[in-house]
Full PDB file with SEQRES, HELIX, SHEET, SSBOND, CRYST1, ORIGX, SCALE, CONECT and MASTER records, all heavy atoms in Angstrom:
SEQRES   1 A   36  PRO ALA GLY LEU LYS TYR ASP HIS PHE VAL GLY GLU ALA          
SEQRES   2 A   36  TYR VAL ARG LEU HIS ARG GLU MET GLU ASP PRO GLU LYS          
SEQRES   3 A   36  LYS ALA ALA ILE GLU GLN GLY VAL GLN GLU                      
HELIX    1 AA1 TYR A    6  GLU A   20  1                                  15    
HELIX    2 AA2 PRO A   24  GLN A   35  1                                  12    
CRYST1    1.000    1.000    1.000  90.00  90.00  90.00 P 1           1          
ORIGX1      1.000000  0.000000  0.000000        0.00000                         
ORIGX2      0.000000  1.000000  0.000000        0.00000                         
ORIGX3      0.000000  0.000000  1.000000        0.00000                         
SCALE1      1.000000  0.000000  0.000000        0.00000                         
SCALE2      0.000000  1.000000  0.000000        0.00000                         
SCALE3      0.000000  0.000000  1.000000        0.00000                         
ATOM      1  N   PRO A   1       0.835  -1.208  -0.004  1.00  0.00           N  
ATOM      2  CA  PRO A   1      -0.003  -0.007  -0.004  1.00  0.00           C  
ATOM      3  C   PRO A   1       0.865   1.250  -0.003  1.00  0.00           C  
ATOM      4  O   PRO A   1       2.050   1.204   0.358  1.00  0.00           O  
ATOM      5  CB  PRO A   1      -0.801  -0.133   1.311  1.00  0.00           C  
ATOM      6  CG  PRO A   1       0.001  -1.061   2.161  1.00  0.00           C  
ATOM      7  CD  PRO A   1       0.695  -1.993   1.236  1.00  0.00           C  
ATOM      8  N   ALA A   2       0.295   2.352  -0.391  1.00  0.00           N  
ATOM      9  CA  ALA A   2       1.040   3.624  -0.500  1.00  0.00           C  
ATOM     10  C   ALA A   2       1.654   3.971   0.872  1.00  0.00           C  
ATOM     11  O   ALA A   2       1.006   3.819   1.915  1.00  0.00           O  
ATOM     12  CB  ALA A   2       0.128   4.733  -0.943  1.00  0.00           C  
ATOM     13  N   GLY A   3       2.916   4.379   0.841  1.00  0.00           N  
ATOM     14  CA  GLY A   3       3.584   4.806   2.042  1.00  0.00           C  
ATOM     15  C   GLY A   3       4.319   3.702   2.794  1.00  0.00           C  
ATOM     16  O   GLY A   3       4.999   3.988   3.792  1.00  0.00           O  
ATOM     17  N   LEU A   4       4.191   2.470   2.359  1.00  0.00           N  
ATOM     18  CA  LEU A   4       4.849   1.354   3.029  1.00  0.00           C  
ATOM     19  C   LEU A   4       6.043   0.884   2.177  1.00  0.00           C  
ATOM     20  O   LEU A   4       5.848   0.484   1.021  1.00  0.00           O  
ATOM     21  CB  LEU A   4       3.879   0.185   3.265  1.00  0.00           C  
ATOM     22  CG  LEU A   4       4.447  -1.017   4.008  1.00  0.00           C  
ATOM     23  CD1 LEU A   4       4.895  -0.651   5.421  1.00  0.00           C  
ATOM     24  CD2 LEU A   4       3.410  -2.156   4.064  1.00  0.00           C  
ATOM     25  N   LYS A   5       7.238   0.923   2.737  1.00  0.00           N  
ATOM     26  CA  LYS A   5       8.417   0.468   2.011  1.00  0.00           C  
ATOM     27  C   LYS A   5       8.298  -1.014   1.688  1.00  0.00           C  
ATOM     28  O   LYS A   5       7.729  -1.772   2.465  1.00  0.00           O  
ATOM     29  CB  LYS A   5       9.688   0.721   2.837  1.00  0.00           C  
ATOM     30  CG  LYS A   5      10.381   2.027   2.545  1.00  0.00           C  
ATOM     31  CD  LYS A   5      11.644   2.188   3.397  1.00  0.00           C  
ATOM     32  CE  LYS A   5      12.871   1.645   2.704  1.00  0.00           C  
ATOM     33  NZ  LYS A   5      13.705   0.769   3.463  1.00  0.00           N  
ATOM     34  N   TYR A   6       8.842  -1.398   0.538  1.00  0.00           N  
ATOM     35  CA  TYR A   6       8.654  -2.772   0.066  1.00  0.00           C  
ATOM     36  C   TYR A   6       9.275  -3.785   1.031  1.00  0.00           C  
ATOM     37  O   TYR A   6       8.668  -4.848   1.275  1.00  0.00           O  
ATOM     38  CB  TYR A   6       9.273  -2.939  -1.313  1.00  0.00           C  
ATOM     39  CG  TYR A   6       8.953  -4.265  -1.947  1.00  0.00           C  
ATOM     40  CD1 TYR A   6       7.652  -4.573  -2.379  1.00  0.00           C  
ATOM     41  CD2 TYR A   6       9.941  -5.247  -2.099  1.00  0.00           C  
ATOM     42  CE1 TYR A   6       7.355  -5.821  -2.914  1.00  0.00           C  
ATOM     43  CE2 TYR A   6       9.661  -6.469  -2.655  1.00  0.00           C  
ATOM     44  CZ  TYR A   6       8.346  -6.771  -3.068  1.00  0.00           C  
ATOM     45  OH  TYR A   6       8.068  -7.987  -3.596  1.00  0.00           O  
ATOM     46  N   ASP A   7      10.440  -3.502   1.595  1.00  0.00           N  
ATOM     47  CA  ASP A   7      11.056  -4.487   2.500  1.00  0.00           C  
ATOM     48  C   ASP A   7      10.221  -4.659   3.769  1.00  0.00           C  
ATOM     49  O   ASP A   7      10.162  -5.754   4.336  1.00  0.00           O  
ATOM     50  CB  ASP A   7      12.508  -4.139   2.811  1.00  0.00           C  
ATOM     51  CG  ASP A   7      12.688  -2.717   3.329  1.00  0.00           C  
ATOM     52  OD1 ASP A   7      11.762  -1.892   3.218  1.00  0.00           O  
ATOM     53  OD2 ASP A   7      13.788  -2.405   3.855  1.00  0.00           O  
ATOM     54  N   HIS A   8       9.536  -3.608   4.222  1.00  0.00           N  
ATOM     55  CA  HIS A   8       8.633  -3.717   5.362  1.00  0.00           C  
ATOM     56  C   HIS A   8       7.408  -4.577   4.993  1.00  0.00           C  
ATOM     57  O   HIS A   8       6.954  -5.401   5.784  1.00  0.00           O  
ATOM     58  CB  HIS A   8       8.166  -2.334   5.826  1.00  0.00           C  
ATOM     59  CG  HIS A   8       9.217  -1.531   6.488  1.00  0.00           C  
ATOM     60  ND1 HIS A   8       9.222  -1.278   7.853  1.00  0.00           N  
ATOM     61  CD2 HIS A   8      10.332  -0.918   6.010  1.00  0.00           C  
ATOM     62  CE1 HIS A   8      10.258  -0.539   8.165  1.00  0.00           C  
ATOM     63  NE2 HIS A   8      10.963  -0.299   7.066  1.00  0.00           N  
ATOM     64  N   PHE A   9       6.918  -4.364   3.807  1.00  0.00           N  
ATOM     65  CA  PHE A   9       5.772  -5.111   3.292  1.00  0.00           C  
ATOM     66  C   PHE A   9       6.087  -6.612   3.255  1.00  0.00           C  
ATOM     67  O   PHE A   9       5.296  -7.448   3.720  1.00  0.00           O  
ATOM     68  CB  PHE A   9       5.440  -4.588   1.900  1.00  0.00           C  
ATOM     69  CG  PHE A   9       4.362  -5.340   1.152  1.00  0.00           C  
ATOM     70  CD1 PHE A   9       3.055  -5.323   1.593  1.00  0.00           C  
ATOM     71  CD2 PHE A   9       4.681  -6.038  -0.029  1.00  0.00           C  
ATOM     72  CE1 PHE A   9       2.069  -5.984   0.886  1.00  0.00           C  
ATOM     73  CE2 PHE A   9       3.685  -6.692  -0.721  1.00  0.00           C  
ATOM     74  CZ  PHE A   9       2.367  -6.685  -0.270  1.00  0.00           C  
ATOM     75  N   VAL A  10       7.278  -6.951   2.754  1.00  0.00           N  
ATOM     76  CA  VAL A  10       7.690  -8.344   2.686  1.00  0.00           C  
ATOM     77  C   VAL A  10       7.945  -8.902   4.089  1.00  0.00           C  
ATOM     78  O   VAL A  10       7.599 -10.059   4.384  1.00  0.00           O  
ATOM     79  CB  VAL A  10       8.980  -8.487   1.814  1.00  0.00           C  
ATOM     80  CG1 VAL A  10       9.464  -9.927   1.832  1.00  0.00           C  
ATOM     81  CG2 VAL A  10       8.707  -8.011   0.393  1.00  0.00           C  
ATOM     82  N   GLY A  11       8.495  -8.071   4.959  1.00  0.00           N  
ATOM     83  CA  GLY A  11       8.733  -8.496   6.322  1.00  0.00           C  
ATOM     84  C   GLY A  11       7.469  -8.865   7.067  1.00  0.00           C  
ATOM     85  O   GLY A  11       7.428  -9.820   7.847  1.00  0.00           O  
ATOM     86  N   GLU A  12       6.396  -8.103   6.812  1.00  0.00           N  
ATOM     87  CA  GLU A  12       5.113  -8.421   7.425  1.00  0.00           C  
ATOM     88  C   GLU A  12       4.597  -9.782   6.932  1.00  0.00           C  
ATOM     89  O   GLU A  12       4.049 -10.578   7.717  1.00  0.00           O  
ATOM     90  CB  GLU A  12       4.074  -7.332   7.089  1.00  0.00           C  
ATOM     91  CG  GLU A  12       4.346  -5.993   7.800  1.00  0.00           C  
ATOM     92  CD  GLU A  12       3.387  -4.909   7.379  1.00  0.00           C  
ATOM     93  OE1 GLU A  12       2.483  -5.189   6.547  1.00  0.00           O  
ATOM     94  OE2 GLU A  12       3.536  -3.781   7.864  1.00  0.00           O  
ATOM     95  N   ALA A  13       4.812 -10.072   5.667  1.00  0.00           N  
ATOM     96  CA  ALA A  13       4.391 -11.371   5.122  1.00  0.00           C  
ATOM     97  C   ALA A  13       5.222 -12.500   5.744  1.00  0.00           C  
ATOM     98  O   ALA A  13       4.682 -13.599   6.049  1.00  0.00           O  
ATOM     99  CB  ALA A  13       4.548 -11.370   3.607  1.00  0.00           C  
ATOM    100  N   TYR A  14       6.503 -12.257   5.950  1.00  0.00           N  
ATOM    101  CA  TYR A  14       7.404 -13.237   6.566  1.00  0.00           C  
ATOM    102  C   TYR A  14       6.935 -13.597   7.980  1.00  0.00           C  
ATOM    103  O   TYR A  14       6.836 -14.803   8.351  1.00  0.00           O  
ATOM    104  CB  TYR A  14       8.816 -12.664   6.588  1.00  0.00           C  
ATOM    105  CG  TYR A  14       9.859 -13.453   7.332  1.00  0.00           C  
ATOM    106  CD1 TYR A  14      10.469 -14.553   6.734  1.00  0.00           C  
ATOM    107  CD2 TYR A  14      10.259 -13.095   8.614  1.00  0.00           C  
ATOM    108  CE1 TYR A  14      11.446 -15.265   7.404  1.00  0.00           C  
ATOM    109  CE2 TYR A  14      11.236 -13.790   9.288  1.00  0.00           C  
ATOM    110  CZ  TYR A  14      11.828 -14.902   8.690  1.00  0.00           C  
ATOM    111  OH  TYR A  14      12.795 -15.590   9.357  1.00  0.00           O  
ATOM    112  N   VAL A  15       6.634 -12.587   8.768  1.00  0.00           N  
ATOM    113  CA  VAL A  15       6.142 -12.817  10.157  1.00  0.00           C  
ATOM    114  C   VAL A  15       4.793 -13.541  10.121  1.00  0.00           C  
ATOM    115  O   VAL A  15       4.544 -14.492  10.905  1.00  0.00           O  
ATOM    116  CB  VAL A  15       6.034 -11.485  10.901  1.00  0.00           C  
ATOM    117  CG1 VAL A  15       5.370 -11.681  12.263  1.00  0.00           C  
ATOM    118  CG2 VAL A  15       7.422 -10.867  11.092  1.00  0.00           C  
ATOM    119  N   ARG A  16       3.929 -13.127   9.213  1.00  0.00           N  
ATOM    120  CA  ARG A  16       2.602 -13.739   9.079  1.00  0.00           C  
ATOM    121  C   ARG A  16       2.722 -15.224   8.732  1.00  0.00           C  
ATOM    122  O   ARG A  16       1.961 -16.069   9.245  1.00  0.00           O  
ATOM    123  CB  ARG A  16       1.821 -12.987   8.009  1.00  0.00           C  
ATOM    124  CG  ARG A  16       0.353 -13.351   7.882  1.00  0.00           C  
ATOM    125  CD  ARG A  16      -0.282 -12.450   6.825  1.00  0.00           C  
ATOM    126  NE  ARG A  16      -1.556 -12.993   6.335  1.00  0.00           N  
ATOM    127  CZ  ARG A  16      -2.194 -12.529   5.290  1.00  0.00           C  
ATOM    128  NH1 ARG A  16      -1.690 -11.514   4.592  1.00  0.00           N  
ATOM    129  NH2 ARG A  16      -3.339 -13.071   4.894  1.00  0.00           N  
ATOM    130  N   LEU A  17       3.682 -15.570   7.861  1.00  0.00           N  
ATOM    131  CA  LEU A  17       3.894 -16.954   7.462  1.00  0.00           C  
ATOM    132  C   LEU A  17       4.305 -17.800   8.683  1.00  0.00           C  
ATOM    133  O   LEU A  17       3.849 -18.935   8.850  1.00  0.00           O  
ATOM    134  CB  LEU A  17       4.937 -17.059   6.364  1.00  0.00           C  
ATOM    135  CG  LEU A  17       5.126 -18.464   5.753  1.00  0.00           C  
ATOM    136  CD1 LEU A  17       3.955 -18.788   4.824  1.00  0.00           C  
ATOM    137  CD2 LEU A  17       6.437 -18.565   4.991  1.00  0.00           C  
ATOM    138  N   HIS A  18       5.186 -17.253   9.512  1.00  0.00           N  
ATOM    139  CA  HIS A  18       5.645 -18.002  10.686  1.00  0.00           C  
ATOM    140  C   HIS A  18       4.491 -18.229  11.681  1.00  0.00           C  
ATOM    141  O   HIS A  18       4.452 -19.276  12.361  1.00  0.00           O  
ATOM    142  CB  HIS A  18       6.827 -17.290  11.363  1.00  0.00           C  
ATOM    143  CG  HIS A  18       8.129 -17.692  10.741  1.00  0.00           C  
ATOM    144  ND1 HIS A  18       8.889 -18.737  11.213  1.00  0.00           N  
ATOM    145  CD2 HIS A  18       8.805 -17.207   9.654  1.00  0.00           C  
ATOM    146  CE1 HIS A  18       9.966 -18.879  10.481  1.00  0.00           C  
ATOM    147  NE2 HIS A  18       9.943 -17.954   9.521  1.00  0.00           N  
ATOM    148  N   ARG A  19       3.558 -17.300  11.736  1.00  0.00           N  
ATOM    149  CA  ARG A  19       2.384 -17.512  12.572  1.00  0.00           C  
ATOM    150  C   ARG A  19       1.519 -18.634  12.009  1.00  0.00           C  
ATOM    151  O   ARG A  19       0.979 -19.469  12.763  1.00  0.00           O  
ATOM    152  CB  ARG A  19       1.569 -16.220  12.670  1.00  0.00           C  
ATOM    153  CG  ARG A  19       2.269 -15.147  13.515  1.00  0.00           C  
ATOM    154  CD  ARG A  19       1.419 -13.905  13.689  1.00  0.00           C  
ATOM    155  NE  ARG A  19       2.173 -12.850  14.371  1.00  0.00           N  
ATOM    156  CZ  ARG A  19       2.133 -11.580  14.049  1.00  0.00           C  
ATOM    157  NH1 ARG A  19       1.404 -11.174  13.009  1.00  0.00           N  
ATOM    158  NH2 ARG A  19       2.814 -10.677  14.732  1.00  0.00           N  
ATOM    159  N   GLU A  20       1.392 -18.669  10.680  1.00  0.00           N  
ATOM    160  CA  GLU A  20       0.630 -19.752  10.036  1.00  0.00           C  
ATOM    161  C   GLU A  20       1.253 -21.111  10.324  1.00  0.00           C  
ATOM    162  O   GLU A  20       0.548 -22.110  10.498  1.00  0.00           O  
ATOM    163  CB  GLU A  20       0.601 -19.524   8.518  1.00  0.00           C  
ATOM    164  CG  GLU A  20      -0.285 -18.384   8.078  1.00  0.00           C  
ATOM    165  CD  GLU A  20      -1.745 -18.788   7.949  1.00  0.00           C  
ATOM    166  OE1 GLU A  20      -2.057 -19.678   7.161  1.00  0.00           O  
ATOM    167  OE2 GLU A  20      -2.565 -18.168   8.662  1.00  0.00           O  
ATOM    168  N   MET A  21       2.606 -21.128  10.377  1.00  0.00           N  
ATOM    169  CA  MET A  21       3.314 -22.410  10.557  1.00  0.00           C  
ATOM    170  C   MET A  21       3.145 -22.965  11.964  1.00  0.00           C  
ATOM    171  O   MET A  21       3.556 -24.083  12.236  1.00  0.00           O  
ATOM    172  CB  MET A  21       4.808 -22.232  10.234  1.00  0.00           C  
ATOM    173  CG  MET A  21       5.069 -22.002   8.748  1.00  0.00           C  
ATOM    174  SD  MET A  21       6.783 -21.574   8.375  1.00  0.00           S  
ATOM    175  CE  MET A  21       7.592 -23.140   8.599  1.00  0.00           C  
ATOM    176  N   GLU A  22       2.545 -22.193  12.861  1.00  0.00           N  
ATOM    177  CA  GLU A  22       2.257 -22.720  14.193  1.00  0.00           C  
ATOM    178  C   GLU A  22       1.127 -23.747  14.138  1.00  0.00           C  
ATOM    179  O   GLU A  22       0.955 -24.531  15.075  1.00  0.00           O  
ATOM    180  CB  GLU A  22       1.894 -21.564  15.146  1.00  0.00           C  
ATOM    181  CG  GLU A  22       3.076 -20.634  15.419  1.00  0.00           C  
ATOM    182  CD  GLU A  22       2.657 -19.399  16.206  1.00  0.00           C  
ATOM    183  OE1 GLU A  22       1.487 -19.319  16.624  1.00  0.00           O  
ATOM    184  OE2 GLU A  22       3.529 -18.508  16.391  1.00  0.00           O  
ATOM    185  N   ASP A  23       0.378 -23.735  13.037  1.00  0.00           N  
ATOM    186  CA  ASP A  23      -0.690 -24.724  12.809  1.00  0.00           C  
ATOM    187  C   ASP A  23      -0.058 -25.931  12.108  1.00  0.00           C  
ATOM    188  O   ASP A  23       0.409 -25.828  10.970  1.00  0.00           O  
ATOM    189  CB  ASP A  23      -1.797 -24.123  11.922  1.00  0.00           C  
ATOM    190  CG  ASP A  23      -2.934 -25.094  11.687  1.00  0.00           C  
ATOM    191  OD1 ASP A  23      -2.738 -26.301  11.755  1.00  0.00           O  
ATOM    192  OD2 ASP A  23      -4.055 -24.603  11.411  1.00  0.00           O  
ATOM    193  N   PRO A  24      -0.009 -27.115  12.775  1.00  0.00           N  
ATOM    194  CA  PRO A  24       0.647 -28.294  12.210  1.00  0.00           C  
ATOM    195  C   PRO A  24       0.129 -28.683  10.823  1.00  0.00           C  
ATOM    196  O   PRO A  24       0.898 -29.131   9.964  1.00  0.00           O  
ATOM    197  CB  PRO A  24       0.392 -29.404  13.224  1.00  0.00           C  
ATOM    198  CG  PRO A  24       0.127 -28.681  14.495  1.00  0.00           C  
ATOM    199  CD  PRO A  24      -0.559 -27.403  14.108  1.00  0.00           C  
ATOM    200  N   GLU A  25      -1.173 -28.501  10.589  1.00  0.00           N  
ATOM    201  CA  GLU A  25      -1.737 -28.901   9.299  1.00  0.00           C  
ATOM    202  C   GLU A  25      -1.229 -27.988   8.177  1.00  0.00           C  
ATOM    203  O   GLU A  25      -0.964 -28.452   7.064  1.00  0.00           O  
ATOM    204  CB  GLU A  25      -3.262 -28.865   9.355  1.00  0.00           C  
ATOM    205  CG  GLU A  25      -3.855 -29.931  10.277  1.00  0.00           C  
ATOM    206  CD  GLU A  25      -5.366 -29.913  10.252  1.00  0.00           C  
ATOM    207  OE1 GLU A  25      -5.953 -29.157   9.437  1.00  0.00           O  
ATOM    208  OE2 GLU A  25      -5.969 -30.635  11.063  1.00  0.00           O  
ATOM    209  N   LYS A  26      -1.121 -26.717   8.472  1.00  0.00           N  
ATOM    210  CA  LYS A  26      -0.668 -25.762   7.467  1.00  0.00           C  
ATOM    211  C   LYS A  26       0.859 -25.858   7.258  1.00  0.00           C  
ATOM    212  O   LYS A  26       1.365 -25.564   6.187  1.00  0.00           O  
ATOM    213  CB  LYS A  26      -1.036 -24.342   7.854  1.00  0.00           C  
ATOM    214  CG  LYS A  26      -2.538 -24.077   7.867  1.00  0.00           C  
ATOM    215  CD  LYS A  26      -2.831 -22.637   8.282  1.00  0.00           C  
ATOM    216  CE  LYS A  26      -4.337 -22.375   8.304  1.00  0.00           C  
ATOM    217  NZ  LYS A  26      -4.624 -21.002   8.749  1.00  0.00           N  
ATOM    218  N   LYS A  27       1.568 -26.245   8.335  1.00  0.00           N  
ATOM    219  CA  LYS A  27       3.029 -26.217   8.300  1.00  0.00           C  
ATOM    220  C   LYS A  27       3.579 -27.108   7.214  1.00  0.00           C  
ATOM    221  O   LYS A  27       4.531 -26.741   6.503  1.00  0.00           O  
ATOM    222  CB  LYS A  27       3.597 -26.612   9.656  1.00  0.00           C  
ATOM    223  CG  LYS A  27       5.120 -26.500   9.728  1.00  0.00           C  
ATOM    224  CD  LYS A  27       5.637 -26.825  11.121  1.00  0.00           C  
ATOM    225  CE  LYS A  27       7.166 -26.678  11.143  1.00  0.00           C  
ATOM    226  NZ  LYS A  27       7.715 -26.936  12.484  1.00  0.00           N  
ATOM    227  N   ALA A  28       2.991 -28.301   7.020  1.00  0.00           N  
ATOM    228  CA  ALA A  28       3.519 -29.254   6.026  1.00  0.00           C  
ATOM    229  C   ALA A  28       3.420 -28.672   4.621  1.00  0.00           C  
ATOM    230  O   ALA A  28       4.368 -28.770   3.824  1.00  0.00           O  
ATOM    231  CB  ALA A  28       2.744 -30.562   6.121  1.00  0.00           C  
ATOM    232  N   ALA A  29       2.282 -28.086   4.290  1.00  0.00           N  
ATOM    233  CA  ALA A  29       2.096 -27.515   2.959  1.00  0.00           C  
ATOM    234  C   ALA A  29       3.020 -26.322   2.747  1.00  0.00           C  
ATOM    235  O   ALA A  29       3.596 -26.142   1.667  1.00  0.00           O  
ATOM    236  CB  ALA A  29       0.649 -27.083   2.774  1.00  0.00           C  
ATOM    237  N   ILE A  30       3.160 -25.530   3.801  1.00  0.00           N  
ATOM    238  CA  ILE A  30       4.053 -24.368   3.702  1.00  0.00           C  
ATOM    239  C   ILE A  30       5.483 -24.838   3.511  1.00  0.00           C  
ATOM    240  O   ILE A  30       6.213 -24.268   2.684  1.00  0.00           O  
ATOM    241  CB  ILE A  30       3.918 -23.488   4.975  1.00  0.00           C  
ATOM    242  CG1 ILE A  30       2.564 -22.771   4.969  1.00  0.00           C  
ATOM    243  CG2 ILE A  30       5.044 -22.447   5.048  1.00  0.00           C  
ATOM    244  CD1 ILE A  30       2.252 -22.020   6.267  1.00  0.00           C  
ATOM    245  N   GLU A  31       5.889 -25.842   4.248  1.00  0.00           N  
ATOM    246  CA  GLU A  31       7.275 -26.332   4.150  1.00  0.00           C  
ATOM    247  C   GLU A  31       7.569 -26.789   2.725  1.00  0.00           C  
ATOM    248  O   GLU A  31       8.652 -26.568   2.198  1.00  0.00           O  
ATOM    249  CB  GLU A  31       7.483 -27.469   5.157  1.00  0.00           C  
ATOM    250  CG  GLU A  31       8.901 -28.034   5.148  1.00  0.00           C  
ATOM    251  CD  GLU A  31       9.939 -26.977   5.518  1.00  0.00           C  
ATOM    252  OE1 GLU A  31       9.669 -26.088   6.332  1.00  0.00           O  
ATOM    253  OE2 GLU A  31      11.061 -27.056   4.962  1.00  0.00           O  
ATOM    254  N   GLN A  32       6.609 -27.496   2.104  1.00  0.00           N  
ATOM    255  CA  GLN A  32       6.791 -27.942   0.728  1.00  0.00           C  
ATOM    256  C   GLN A  32       6.976 -26.747  -0.198  1.00  0.00           C  
ATOM    257  O   GLN A  32       7.857 -26.753  -1.088  1.00  0.00           O  
ATOM    258  CB  GLN A  32       5.593 -28.790   0.278  1.00  0.00           C  
ATOM    259  CG  GLN A  32       5.758 -29.359  -1.127  1.00  0.00           C  
ATOM    260  CD  GLN A  32       4.556 -30.219  -1.546  1.00  0.00           C  
ATOM    261  OE1 GLN A  32       3.714 -30.531  -0.720  1.00  0.00           O  
ATOM    262  NE2 GLN A  32       4.510 -30.581  -2.810  1.00  0.00           N  
ATOM    263  N   GLY A  33       6.169 -25.725   0.002  1.00  0.00           N  
ATOM    264  CA  GLY A  33       6.292 -24.525  -0.832  1.00  0.00           C  
ATOM    265  C   GLY A  33       7.613 -23.801  -0.635  1.00  0.00           C  
ATOM    266  O   GLY A  33       8.202 -23.290  -1.599  1.00  0.00           O  
ATOM    267  N   VAL A  34       8.077 -23.770   0.596  1.00  0.00           N  
ATOM    268  CA  VAL A  34       9.366 -23.129   0.887  1.00  0.00           C  
ATOM    269  C   VAL A  34      10.491 -23.898   0.204  1.00  0.00           C  
ATOM    270  O   VAL A  34      11.419 -23.287  -0.379  1.00  0.00           O  
ATOM    271  CB  VAL A  34       9.597 -23.041   2.411  1.00  0.00           C  
ATOM    272  CG1 VAL A  34      11.046 -22.606   2.701  1.00  0.00           C  
ATOM    273  CG2 VAL A  34       8.635 -22.070   3.055  1.00  0.00           C  
ATOM    274  N   GLN A  35      10.438 -25.230   0.262  1.00  0.00           N  
ATOM    275  CA  GLN A  35      11.477 -26.052  -0.387  1.00  0.00           C  
ATOM    276  C   GLN A  35      11.509 -25.807  -1.906  1.00  0.00           C  
ATOM    277  O   GLN A  35      12.574 -25.722  -2.526  1.00  0.00           O  
ATOM    278  CB  GLN A  35      11.281 -27.511  -0.071  1.00  0.00           C  
ATOM    279  CG  GLN A  35      11.593 -27.879   1.370  1.00  0.00           C  
ATOM    280  CD  GLN A  35      13.024 -27.582   1.767  1.00  0.00           C  
ATOM    281  OE1 GLN A  35      13.965 -27.806   0.998  1.00  0.00           O  
ATOM    282  NE2 GLN A  35      13.195 -27.052   2.976  1.00  0.00           N  
ATOM    283  N   GLU A  36      10.332 -25.746  -2.510  1.00  0.00           N  
ATOM    284  CA  GLU A  36      10.241 -25.473  -3.972  1.00  0.00           C  
ATOM    285  C   GLU A  36      10.839 -24.097  -4.288  1.00  0.00           C  
ATOM    286  O   GLU A  36      11.541 -23.943  -5.284  1.00  0.00           O  
ATOM    287  CB  GLU A  36       8.784 -25.551  -4.424  1.00  0.00           C  
ATOM    288  CG  GLU A  36       8.183 -26.945  -4.424  1.00  0.00           C  
ATOM    289  CD  GLU A  36       6.692 -26.942  -4.691  1.00  0.00           C  
ATOM    290  OE1 GLU A  36       6.105 -25.815  -4.826  1.00  0.00           O  
ATOM    291  OE2 GLU A  36       6.082 -28.035  -4.761  1.00  0.00           O  
TER     292      GLU A  36                                                      
MASTER        0    0    0    2    0    0    0    6  291    1    0    3          
END                                                                             
């Protein structure tokens, strides 16, 4: 969004992904995507 630096934008997504990985069911699918 306007006014948000790109590296901050990506950093928010990075933190959000780690919160998602706290769910065991989601973690496996995420791990596969990270490896790819």
